[in-house]
Amino acid sequence: MTVTATETASAEPEPAPTVTETVEVEVEVEVTETVTAAPAYDNSSDGSDSNDDSSGGGGSVYYENCAAARAAGAAPVHAGEPGYGRHLDRDGDGTGCDWG
């Protein structure tokens, strides 16, 4: 009597390994804000400045607020200098945007 044995081997494929790569990236961001000073307008007929907030200011430069004056590199603004206005001088000492 002859016995024949047949062995069948079945191998399941192993799953492929998962590779995770971490890359660190350093980013430098520079934010630039451009503010344009608007000229003060003379609305009076006699040539005097009728804008109460800009009295004491010289020239035709007008800063809407202290952020605009700082962005233009003009802060602090002193009475008699271009761009000075009472609306920029909250403590009334003759120097606008001298706080903060």
PDB file of N, CA and C in Angstrom:
ATOM      1  N   MET A   1       0.836  -1.149   0.000  1.00  0.00           N
ATOM      2  CA  MET A   1       0.000   0.000   0.000  1.00  0.00           C
ATOM      3  C   MET A   1       0.891   1.226   0.000  1.00  0.00           C
ATOM      4  N   THR A   2       0.570   2.164  -0.795  1.00  0.00           N
ATOM      5  CA  THR A   2       1.339   3.376  -0.928  1.00  0.00           C
ATOM      6  C   THR A   2       0.462   4.529  -0.478  1.00  0.00           C
ATOM      7  N   VAL A   3       1.046   5.335   0.382  1.00  0.00           N
ATOM      8  CA  VAL A   3       0.304   6.500   0.894  1.00  0.00           C
ATOM      9  C   VAL A   3       0.994   7.747   0.347  1.00  0.00           C
ATOM     10  N   THR A   4       0.213   8.570  -0.245  1.00  0.00           N
ATOM     11  CA  THR A   4       0.736   9.814  -0.774  1.00  0.00           C
ATOM     12  C   THR A   4       0.110  10.947   0.029  1.00  0.00           C
ATOM     13  N   ALA A   5       0.954  11.703   0.586  1.00  0.00           N
ATOM     14  CA  ALA A   5       0.452  12.850   1.354  1.00  0.00           C
ATOM     15  C   ALA A   5       0.798  14.126   0.608  1.00  0.00           C
ATOM     16  N   THR A   6      -0.158  14.952   0.437  1.00  0.00           N
ATOM     17  CA  THR A   6       0.058  16.233  -0.234  1.00  0.00           C
ATOM     18  C   THR A   6      -0.199  17.332   0.779  1.00  0.00           C
ATOM     19  N   GLU A   7       0.779  18.159   0.898  1.00  0.00           N
ATOM     20  CA  GLU A   7       0.628  19.268   1.863  1.00  0.00           C
ATOM     21  C   GLU A   7       0.480  20.551   1.076  1.00  0.00           C
ATOM     22  N   THR A   8      -0.552  21.263   1.380  1.00  0.00           N
ATOM     23  CA  THR A   8      -0.787  22.545   0.714  1.00  0.00           C
ATOM     24  C   THR A   8      -0.593  23.639   1.758  1.00  0.00           C
ATOM     25  N   ALA A   9       0.311  24.475   1.454  1.00  0.00           N
ATOM     26  CA  ALA A   9       0.552  25.586   2.375  1.00  0.00           C
ATOM     27  C   ALA A   9      -0.010  26.849   1.753  1.00  0.00           C
ATOM     28  N   SER A  10      -0.794  27.529   2.508  1.00  0.00           N
ATOM     29  CA  SER A  10      -1.303  28.812   2.018  1.00  0.00           C
ATOM     30  C   SER A  10      -0.830  29.896   2.982  1.00  0.00           C
ATOM     31  N   ALA A  11      -0.175  30.830   2.426  1.00  0.00           N
ATOM     32  CA  ALA A  11       0.337  31.929   3.249  1.00  0.00           C
ATOM     33  C   ALA A  11      -0.399  33.201   2.882  1.00  0.00           C
ATOM     34  N   GLU A  12      -0.900  33.865   3.881  1.00  0.00           N
ATOM     35  CA  GLU A  12      -1.553  35.158   3.646  1.00  0.00           C
ATOM     36  C   GLU A  12      -0.468  36.219   3.614  1.00  0.00           C
ATOM     37  N   PRO A  13      -0.548  37.101   2.649  1.00  0.00           N
ATOM     38  CA  PRO A  13       0.484  38.156   2.594  1.00  0.00           C
ATOM     39  C   PRO A  13       0.363  39.087   3.801  1.00  0.00           C
ATOM     40  N   GLU A  14       1.485  39.452   4.302  1.00  0.00           N
ATOM     41  CA  GLU A  14       1.489  40.384   5.432  1.00  0.00           C
ATOM     42  C   GLU A  14       1.169  41.782   4.911  1.00  0.00           C
ATOM     43  N   PRO A  15       0.439  42.560   5.714  1.00  0.00           N
ATOM     44  CA  PRO A  15       0.146  43.931   5.271  1.00  0.00           C
ATOM     45  C   PRO A  15       1.430  44.750   5.199  1.00  0.00           C
ATOM     46  N   ALA A  16       1.454  45.660   4.260  1.00  0.00           N
ATOM     47  CA  ALA A  16       2.625  46.520   4.096  1.00  0.00           C
ATOM     48  C   ALA A  16       2.750  47.427   5.310  1.00  0.00           C
ATOM     49  N   PRO A  17       3.960  47.676   5.742  1.00  0.00           N
ATOM     50  CA  PRO A  17       4.125  48.542   6.915  1.00  0.00           C
ATOM     51  C   PRO A  17       3.710  49.984   6.588  1.00  0.00           C
ATOM     52  N   THR A  18       3.177  50.676   7.586  1.00  0.00           N
ATOM     53  CA  THR A  18       2.777  52.073   7.443  1.00  0.00           C
ATOM     54  C   THR A  18       3.934  52.942   7.925  1.00  0.00           C
ATOM     55  N   VAL A  19       4.332  53.862   7.089  1.00  0.00           N
ATOM     56  CA  VAL A  19       5.429  54.753   7.424  1.00  0.00           C
ATOM     57  C   VAL A  19       4.856  56.158   7.549  1.00  0.00           C
ATOM     58  N   THR A  20       5.100  56.790   8.677  1.00  0.00           N
ATOM     59  CA  THR A  20       4.647  58.155   8.902  1.00  0.00           C
ATOM     60  C   THR A  20       5.872  59.042   9.043  1.00  0.00           C
ATOM     61  N   GLU A  21       5.895  60.109   8.253  1.00  0.00           N
ATOM     62  CA  GLU A  21       7.026  61.027   8.295  1.00  0.00           C
ATOM     63  C   GLU A  21       6.520  62.373   8.783  1.00  0.00           C
ATOM     64  N   THR A  22       7.179  62.937   9.762  1.00  0.00           N
ATOM     65  CA  THR A  22       6.814  64.245  10.289  1.00  0.00           C
ATOM     66  C   THR A  22       7.843  65.251   9.809  1.00  0.00           C
ATOM     67  N   VAL A  23       7.351  66.299   9.203  1.00  0.00           N
ATOM     68  CA  VAL A  23       8.226  67.341   8.688  1.00  0.00           C
ATOM     69  C   VAL A  23       7.875  68.628   9.418  1.00  0.00           C
ATOM     70  N   GLU A  24       8.854  69.258  10.032  1.00  0.00           N
ATOM     71  CA  GLU A  24       8.639  70.536  10.696  1.00  0.00           C
ATOM     72  C   GLU A  24       9.076  71.644   9.758  1.00  0.00           C
ATOM     73  N   VAL A  25       8.189  72.606   9.589  1.00  0.00           N
ATOM     74  CA  VAL A  25       8.468  73.728   8.697  1.00  0.00           C
ATOM     75  C   VAL A  25       8.326  75.004   9.504  1.00  0.00           C
ATOM     76  N   GLU A  26       9.327  75.857   9.434  1.00  0.00           N
ATOM     77  CA  GLU A  26       9.277  77.144  10.122  1.00  0.00           C
ATOM     78  C   GLU A  26       8.967  78.214   9.089  1.00  0.00           C
ATOM     79  N   VAL A  27       7.905  78.970   9.359  1.00  0.00           N
ATOM     80  CA  VAL A  27       7.468  79.996   8.420  1.00  0.00           C
ATOM     81  C   VAL A  27       7.528  81.338   9.125  1.00  0.00           C
ATOM     82  N   GLU A  28       8.128  82.305   8.477  1.00  0.00           N
ATOM     83  CA  GLU A  28       8.173  83.664   9.015  1.00  0.00           C
ATOM     84  C   GLU A  28       7.229  84.522   8.200  1.00  0.00           C
ATOM     85  N   VAL A  29       6.305  85.172   8.887  1.00  0.00           N
ATOM     86  CA  VAL A  29       5.300  85.991   8.214  1.00  0.00           C
ATOM     87  C   VAL A  29       5.523  87.444   8.606  1.00  0.00           C
ATOM     88  N   GLU A  30       5.563  88.294   7.626  1.00  0.00           N
ATOM     89  CA  GLU A  30       5.694  89.723   7.868  1.00  0.00           C
ATOM     90  C   GLU A  30       4.423  90.395   7.357  1.00  0.00           C
ATOM     91  N   VAL A  31       3.767  91.125   8.242  1.00  0.00           N
ATOM     92  CA  VAL A  31       2.540  91.809   7.882  1.00  0.00           C
ATOM     93  C   VAL A  31       2.859  93.285   7.707  1.00  0.00           C
ATOM     94  N   THR A  32       2.454  93.826   6.598  1.00  0.00           N
ATOM     95  CA  THR A  32       2.686  95.233   6.316  1.00  0.00           C
ATOM     96  C   THR A  32       1.344  95.908   6.121  1.00  0.00           C
ATOM     97  N   GLU A  33       1.139  96.979   6.858  1.00  0.00           N
ATOM     98  CA  GLU A  33      -0.100  97.743   6.730  1.00  0.00           C
ATOM     99  C   GLU A  33       0.268  99.094   6.140  1.00  0.00           C
ATOM    100  N   THR A  34      -0.436  99.478   5.103  1.00  0.00           N
ATOM    101  CA  THR A  34      -0.181 100.757   4.470  1.00  0.00           C
ATOM    102  C   THR A  34      -1.320 101.708   4.820  1.00  0.00           C
ATOM    103  N   VAL A  35      -0.964 102.822   5.396  1.00  0.00           N
ATOM    104  CA  VAL A  35      -1.951 103.834   5.762  1.00  0.00           C
ATOM    105  C   VAL A  35      -1.579 105.111   5.038  1.00  0.00           C
ATOM    106  N   THR A  36      -2.538 105.696   4.377  1.00  0.00           N
ATOM    107  CA  THR A  36      -2.293 106.935   3.654  1.00  0.00           C
ATOM    108  C   THR A  36      -2.929 108.077   4.423  1.00  0.00           C
ATOM    109  N   ALA A  37      -2.139 109.081   4.713  1.00  0.00           N
ATOM    110  CA  ALA A  37      -2.663 110.249   5.409  1.00  0.00           C
ATOM    111  C   ALA A  37      -3.464 111.072   4.411  1.00  0.00           C
ATOM    112  N   ALA A  38      -4.680 111.416   4.816  1.00  0.00           N
ATOM    113  CA  ALA A  38      -5.537 112.214   3.949  1.00  0.00           C
ATOM    114  C   ALA A  38      -5.319 113.687   4.262  1.00  0.00           C
ATOM    115  N   PRO A  39      -5.236 114.521   3.268  1.00  0.00           N
ATOM    116  CA  PRO A  39      -5.062 115.951   3.528  1.00  0.00           C
ATOM    117  C   PRO A  39      -6.308 116.548   4.168  1.00  0.00           C
ATOM    118  N   ALA A  40      -6.091 117.505   5.030  1.00  0.00           N
ATOM    119  CA  ALA A  40      -7.212 118.215   5.632  1.00  0.00           C
ATOM    120  C   ALA A  40      -7.809 119.154   4.582  1.00  0.00           C
ATOM    121  N   TYR A  41      -9.096 119.269   4.574  1.00  0.00           N
ATOM    122  CA  TYR A  41      -9.757 120.121   3.592  1.00  0.00           C
ATOM    123  C   TYR A  41     -10.279 121.382   4.254  1.00  0.00           C
ATOM    124  N   ASP A  42     -10.134 122.475   3.575  1.00  0.00           N
ATOM    125  CA  ASP A  42     -10.607 123.767   4.058  1.00  0.00           C
ATOM    126  C   ASP A  42     -12.011 123.990   3.511  1.00  0.00           C
ATOM    127  N   ASN A  43     -12.987 123.894   4.407  1.00  0.00           N
ATOM    128  CA  ASN A  43     -14.380 124.066   3.999  1.00  0.00           C
ATOM    129  C   ASN A  43     -14.914 125.459   4.294  1.00  0.00           C
ATOM    130  N   SER A  44     -14.082 126.323   4.849  1.00  0.00           N
ATOM    131  CA  SER A  44     -14.556 127.656   5.192  1.00  0.00           C
ATOM    132  C   SER A  44     -14.275 128.633   4.055  1.00  0.00           C
ATOM    133  N   SER A  45     -15.023 129.729   4.029  1.00  0.00           N
ATOM    134  CA  SER A  45     -14.848 130.707   2.955  1.00  0.00           C
ATOM    135  C   SER A  45     -13.708 131.685   3.247  1.00  0.00           C
ATOM    136  N   ASP A  46     -13.293 131.808   4.517  1.00  0.00           N
ATOM    137  CA  ASP A  46     -12.238 132.779   4.835  1.00  0.00           C
ATOM    138  C   ASP A  46     -10.844 132.157   4.834  1.00  0.00           C
ATOM    139  N   GLY A  47     -10.752 130.878   4.525  1.00  0.00           N
ATOM    140  CA  GLY A  47      -9.449 130.234   4.468  1.00  0.00           C
ATOM    141  C   GLY A  47      -8.994 129.663   5.792  1.00  0.00           C
ATOM    142  N   SER A  48      -9.732 129.940   6.874  1.00  0.00           N
ATOM    143  CA  SER A  48      -9.339 129.371   8.161  1.00  0.00           C
ATOM    144  C   SER A  48      -9.821 127.934   8.225  1.00  0.00           C
ATOM    145  N   ASP A  49      -9.169 127.150   9.031  1.00  0.00           N
ATOM    146  CA  ASP A  49      -9.514 125.735   9.154  1.00  0.00           C
ATOM    147  C   ASP A  49     -10.743 125.603  10.034  1.00  0.00           C
ATOM    148  N   SER A  50     -11.817 125.105   9.489  1.00  0.00           N
ATOM    149  CA  SER A  50     -13.045 124.979  10.250  1.00  0.00           C
ATOM    150  C   SER A  50     -13.150 123.643  10.960  1.00  0.00           C
ATOM    151  N   ASN A  51     -12.162 122.769  10.792  1.00  0.00           N
ATOM    152  CA  ASN A  51     -12.172 121.476  11.463  1.00  0.00           C
ATOM    153  C   ASN A  51     -11.638 121.673  12.871  1.00  0.00           C
ATOM    154  N   ASP A  52     -12.510 121.618  13.872  1.00  0.00           N
ATOM    155  CA  ASP A  52     -12.155 121.874  15.259  1.00  0.00           C
ATOM    156  C   ASP A  52     -11.098 120.918  15.778  1.00  0.00           C
ATOM    157  N   ASP A  53     -11.101 119.662  15.285  1.00  0.00           N
ATOM    158  CA  ASP A  53     -10.175 118.665  15.789  1.00  0.00           C
ATOM    159  C   ASP A  53      -8.744 118.897  15.354  1.00  0.00           C
ATOM    160  N   SER A  54      -8.518 119.657  14.326  1.00  0.00           N
ATOM    161  CA  SER A  54      -7.148 119.794  13.838  1.00  0.00           C
ATOM    162  C   SER A  54      -6.526 121.127  14.204  1.00  0.00           C
ATOM    163  N   SER A  55      -7.140 121.883  15.095  1.00  0.00           N
ATOM    164  CA  SER A  55      -6.554 123.169  15.440  1.00  0.00           C
ATOM    165  C   SER A  55      -5.200 122.963  16.085  1.00  0.00           C
ATOM    166  N   GLY A  56      -4.290 123.847  15.771  1.00  0.00           N
ATOM    167  CA  GLY A  56      -2.942 123.739  16.286  1.00  0.00           C
ATOM    168  C   GLY A  56      -2.041 122.952  15.366  1.00  0.00           C
ATOM    169  N   GLY A  57      -2.614 122.285  14.386  1.00  0.00           N
ATOM    170  CA  GLY A  57      -1.808 121.476  13.474  1.00  0.00           C
ATOM    171  C   GLY A  57      -1.241 122.339  12.372  1.00  0.00           C
ATOM    172  N   GLY A  58      -0.136 121.949  11.849  1.00  0.00           N
ATOM    173  CA  GLY A  58       0.455 122.697  10.761  1.00  0.00           C
ATOM    174  C   GLY A  58       0.431 121.867   9.495  1.00  0.00           C
ATOM    175  N   GLY A  59       0.379 122.515   8.366  1.00  0.00           N
ATOM    176  CA  GLY A  59       0.435 121.809   7.098  1.00  0.00           C
ATOM    177  C   GLY A  59      -0.877 121.169   6.714  1.00  0.00           C
ATOM    178  N   SER A  60      -0.819 120.324   5.689  1.00  0.00           N
ATOM    179  CA  SER A  60      -2.033 119.712   5.186  1.00  0.00           C
ATOM    180  C   SER A  60      -2.102 118.221   5.491  1.00  0.00           C
ATOM    181  N   VAL A  61      -1.339 117.744   6.465  1.00  0.00           N
ATOM    182  CA  VAL A  61      -1.364 116.330   6.829  1.00  0.00           C
ATOM    183  C   VAL A  61      -2.445 116.120   7.866  1.00  0.00           C
ATOM    184  N   TYR A  62      -3.222 115.048   7.680  1.00  0.00           N
ATOM    185  CA  TYR A  62      -4.281 114.719   8.628  1.00  0.00           C
ATOM    186  C   TYR A  62      -4.198 113.244   8.956  1.00  0.00           C
ATOM    187  N   TYR A  63      -4.172 112.911  10.241  1.00  0.00           N
ATOM    188  CA  TYR A  63      -4.209 111.524  10.686  1.00  0.00           C
ATOM    189  C   TYR A  63      -5.557 111.284  11.334  1.00  0.00           C
ATOM    190  N   GLU A  64      -6.262 110.294  10.837  1.00  0.00           N
ATOM    191  CA  GLU A  64      -7.600 109.980  11.358  1.00  0.00           C
ATOM    192  C   GLU A  64      -7.526 109.540  12.811  1.00  0.00           C
ATOM    193  N   ASN A  65      -6.459 108.792  13.146  1.00  0.00           N
ATOM    194  CA  ASN A  65      -6.305 108.306  14.514  1.00  0.00           C
ATOM    195  C   ASN A  65      -4.814 108.054  14.778  1.00  0.00           C
ATOM    196  N   CYS A  66      -4.512 107.643  16.004  1.00  0.00           N
ATOM    197  CA  CYS A  66      -3.110 107.434  16.375  1.00  0.00           C
ATOM    198  C   CYS A  66      -2.501 106.239  15.652  1.00  0.00           C
ATOM    199  N   ALA A  67      -3.308 105.248  15.312  1.00  0.00           N
ATOM    200  CA  ALA A  67      -2.773 104.115  14.557  1.00  0.00           C
ATOM    201  C   ALA A  67      -2.250 104.590  13.204  1.00  0.00           C
ATOM    202  N   ALA A  68      -2.962 105.509  12.577  1.00  0.00           N
ATOM    203  CA  ALA A  68      -2.519 106.049  11.286  1.00  0.00           C
ATOM    204  C   ALA A  68      -1.261 106.894  11.462  1.00  0.00           C
ATOM    205  N   ALA A  69      -1.196 107.666  12.533  1.00  0.00           N
ATOM    206  CA  ALA A  69      -0.005 108.487  12.792  1.00  0.00           C
ATOM    207  C   ALA A  69       1.204 107.602  13.072  1.00  0.00           C
ATOM    208  N   ARG A  70       1.006 106.532  13.839  1.00  0.00           N
ATOM    209  CA  ARG A  70       2.113 105.609  14.130  1.00  0.00           C
ATOM    210  C   ARG A  70       2.563 104.893  12.864  1.00  0.00           C
ATOM    211  N   ALA A  71       1.607 104.477  12.033  1.00  0.00           N
ATOM    212  CA  ALA A  71       1.951 103.769  10.797  1.00  0.00           C
ATOM    213  C   ALA A  71       2.760 104.664   9.860  1.00  0.00           C
ATOM    214  N   ALA A  72       2.508 105.962   9.917  1.00  0.00           N
ATOM    215  CA  ALA A  72       3.235 106.906   9.078  1.00  0.00           C
ATOM    216  C   ALA A  72       4.563 107.317   9.721  1.00  0.00           C
ATOM    217  N   GLY A  73       4.818 106.826  10.941  1.00  0.00           N
ATOM    218  CA  GLY A  73       6.058 107.161  11.640  1.00  0.00           C
ATOM    219  C   GLY A  73       6.046 108.554  12.235  1.00  0.00           C
ATOM    220  N   ALA A  74       4.849 109.118  12.448  1.00  0.00           N
ATOM    221  CA  ALA A  74       4.743 110.495  12.919  1.00  0.00           C
ATOM    222  C   ALA A  74       4.434 110.612  14.403  1.00  0.00           C
ATOM    223  N   ALA A  75       4.111 109.536  15.081  1.00  0.00           N
ATOM    224  CA  ALA A  75       3.715 109.618  16.486  1.00  0.00           C
ATOM    225  C   ALA A  75       4.953 109.605  17.373  1.00  0.00           C
ATOM    226  N   PRO A  76       4.979 110.385  18.429  1.00  0.00           N
ATOM    227  CA  PRO A  76       3.956 111.348  18.840  1.00  0.00           C
ATOM    228  C   PRO A  76       3.974 112.611  17.967  1.00  0.00           C
ATOM    229  N   VAL A  77       2.819 113.247  17.897  1.00  0.00           N
ATOM    230  CA  VAL A  77       2.664 114.453  17.084  1.00  0.00           C
ATOM    231  C   VAL A  77       2.476 115.627  18.039  1.00  0.00           C
ATOM    232  N   HIS A  78       3.305 116.652  17.897  1.00  0.00           N
ATOM    233  CA  HIS A  78       3.250 117.804  18.797  1.00  0.00           C
ATOM    234  C   HIS A  78       2.457 118.939  18.175  1.00  0.00           C
ATOM    235  N   ALA A  79       1.825 119.744  19.030  1.00  0.00           N
ATOM    236  CA  ALA A  79       1.057 120.899  18.558  1.00  0.00           C
ATOM    237  C   ALA A  79       1.947 121.764  17.678  1.00  0.00           C
ATOM    238  N   GLY A  80       1.427 122.172  16.533  1.00  0.00           N
ATOM    239  CA  GLY A  80       2.172 122.985  15.589  1.00  0.00           C
ATOM    240  C   GLY A  80       2.855 122.166  14.502  1.00  0.00           C
ATOM    241  N   GLU A  81       2.979 120.866  14.713  1.00  0.00           N
ATOM    242  CA  GLU A  81       3.578 119.997  13.702  1.00  0.00           C
ATOM    243  C   GLU A  81       2.509 119.526  12.715  1.00  0.00           C
ATOM    244  N   PRO A  82       2.910 119.209  11.481  1.00  0.00           N
ATOM    245  CA  PRO A  82       1.949 118.681  10.512  1.00  0.00           C
ATOM    246  C   PRO A  82       1.284 117.413  11.045  1.00  0.00           C
ATOM    247  N   GLY A  83      -0.032 117.380  10.960  1.00  0.00           N
ATOM    248  CA  GLY A  83      -0.795 116.209  11.377  1.00  0.00           C
ATOM    249  C   GLY A  83      -1.332 116.261  12.789  1.00  0.00           C
ATOM    250  N   TYR A  84      -0.860 117.222  13.603  1.00  0.00           N
ATOM    251  CA  TYR A  84      -1.376 117.309  14.973  1.00  0.00           C
ATOM    252  C   TYR A  84      -2.856 117.681  14.945  1.00  0.00           C
ATOM    253  N   GLY A  85      -3.629 117.080  15.815  1.00  0.00           N
ATOM    254  CA  GLY A  85      -5.034 117.431  15.980  1.00  0.00           C
ATOM    255  C   GLY A  85      -5.462 117.127  17.398  1.00  0.00           C
ATOM    256  N   ARG A  86      -6.399 117.887  17.908  1.00  0.00           N
ATOM    257  CA  ARG A  86      -6.875 117.662  19.280  1.00  0.00           C
ATOM    258  C   ARG A  86      -7.451 116.265  19.461  1.00  0.00           C
ATOM    259  N   HIS A  87      -7.995 115.696  18.380  1.00  0.00           N
ATOM    260  CA  HIS A  87      -8.556 114.347  18.482  1.00  0.00           C
ATOM    261  C   HIS A  87      -7.461 113.296  18.733  1.00  0.00           C
ATOM    262  N   LEU A  88      -6.201 113.657  18.518  1.00  0.00           N
ATOM    263  CA  LEU A  88      -5.081 112.760  18.788  1.00  0.00           C
ATOM    264  C   LEU A  88      -4.479 112.988  20.174  1.00  0.00           C
ATOM    265  N   ASP A  89      -4.866 114.067  20.824  1.00  0.00           N
ATOM    266  CA  ASP A  89      -4.281 114.491  22.103  1.00  0.00           C
ATOM    267  C   ASP A  89      -5.319 114.340  23.210  1.00  0.00           C
ATOM    268  N   ARG A  90      -5.503 113.127  23.685  1.00  0.00           N
ATOM    269  CA  ARG A  90      -6.593 112.875  24.630  1.00  0.00           C
ATOM    270  C   ARG A  90      -6.379 113.508  26.006  1.00  0.00           C
ATOM    271  N   ASP A  91      -5.129 113.786  26.388  1.00  0.00           N
ATOM    272  CA  ASP A  91      -4.916 114.418  27.687  1.00  0.00           C
ATOM    273  C   ASP A  91      -4.706 115.928  27.583  1.00  0.00           C
ATOM    274  N   GLY A  92      -4.745 116.467  26.363  1.00  0.00           N
ATOM    275  CA  GLY A  92      -4.686 117.914  26.157  1.00  0.00           C
ATOM    276  C   GLY A  92      -3.364 118.568  26.512  1.00  0.00           C
ATOM    277  N   ASP A  93      -2.263 117.826  26.462  1.00  0.00           N
ATOM    278  CA  ASP A  93      -0.964 118.395  26.842  1.00  0.00           C
ATOM    279  C   ASP A  93      -0.168 118.942  25.661  1.00  0.00           C
ATOM    280  N   GLY A  94      -0.768 118.928  24.462  1.00  0.00           N
ATOM    281  CA  GLY A  94      -0.064 119.456  23.301  1.00  0.00           C
ATOM    282  C   GLY A  94       0.732 118.405  22.536  1.00  0.00           C
ATOM    283  N   THR A  95       0.667 117.160  22.998  1.00  0.00           N
ATOM    284  CA  THR A  95       1.340 116.055  22.317  1.00  0.00           C
ATOM    285  C   THR A  95       0.326 114.964  22.027  1.00  0.00           C
ATOM    286  N   GLY A  96       0.088 114.719  20.763  1.00  0.00           N
ATOM    287  CA  GLY A  96      -0.870 113.685  20.376  1.00  0.00           C
ATOM    288  C   GLY A  96      -0.195 112.327  20.235  1.00  0.00           C
ATOM    289  N   CYS A  97      -0.922 111.297  20.527  1.00  0.00           N
ATOM    290  CA  CYS A  97      -0.465 109.896  20.380  1.00  0.00           C
ATOM    291  C   CYS A  97       0.775 109.623  21.220  1.00  0.00           C
ATOM    292  N   ASP A  98       0.840 110.202  22.421  1.00  0.00           N
ATOM    293  CA  ASP A  98       1.983 109.984  23.292  1.00  0.00           C
ATOM    294  C   ASP A  98       1.727 108.898  24.332  1.00  0.00           C
ATOM    295  N   TRP A  99       0.646 108.167  24.196  1.00  0.00           N
ATOM    296  CA  TRP A  99       0.305 107.098  25.124  1.00  0.00           C
ATOM    297  C   TRP A  99       0.249 105.780  24.379  1.00  0.00           C
ATOM    298  N   GLY A 100       0.231 104.722  25.118  1.00  0.00           N
ATOM    299  CA  GLY A 100       0.017 103.389  24.552  1.00  0.00           C
ATOM    300  C   GLY A 100       1.200 102.810  24.021  1.00  0.00           C
TER     301      GLY A 100
END
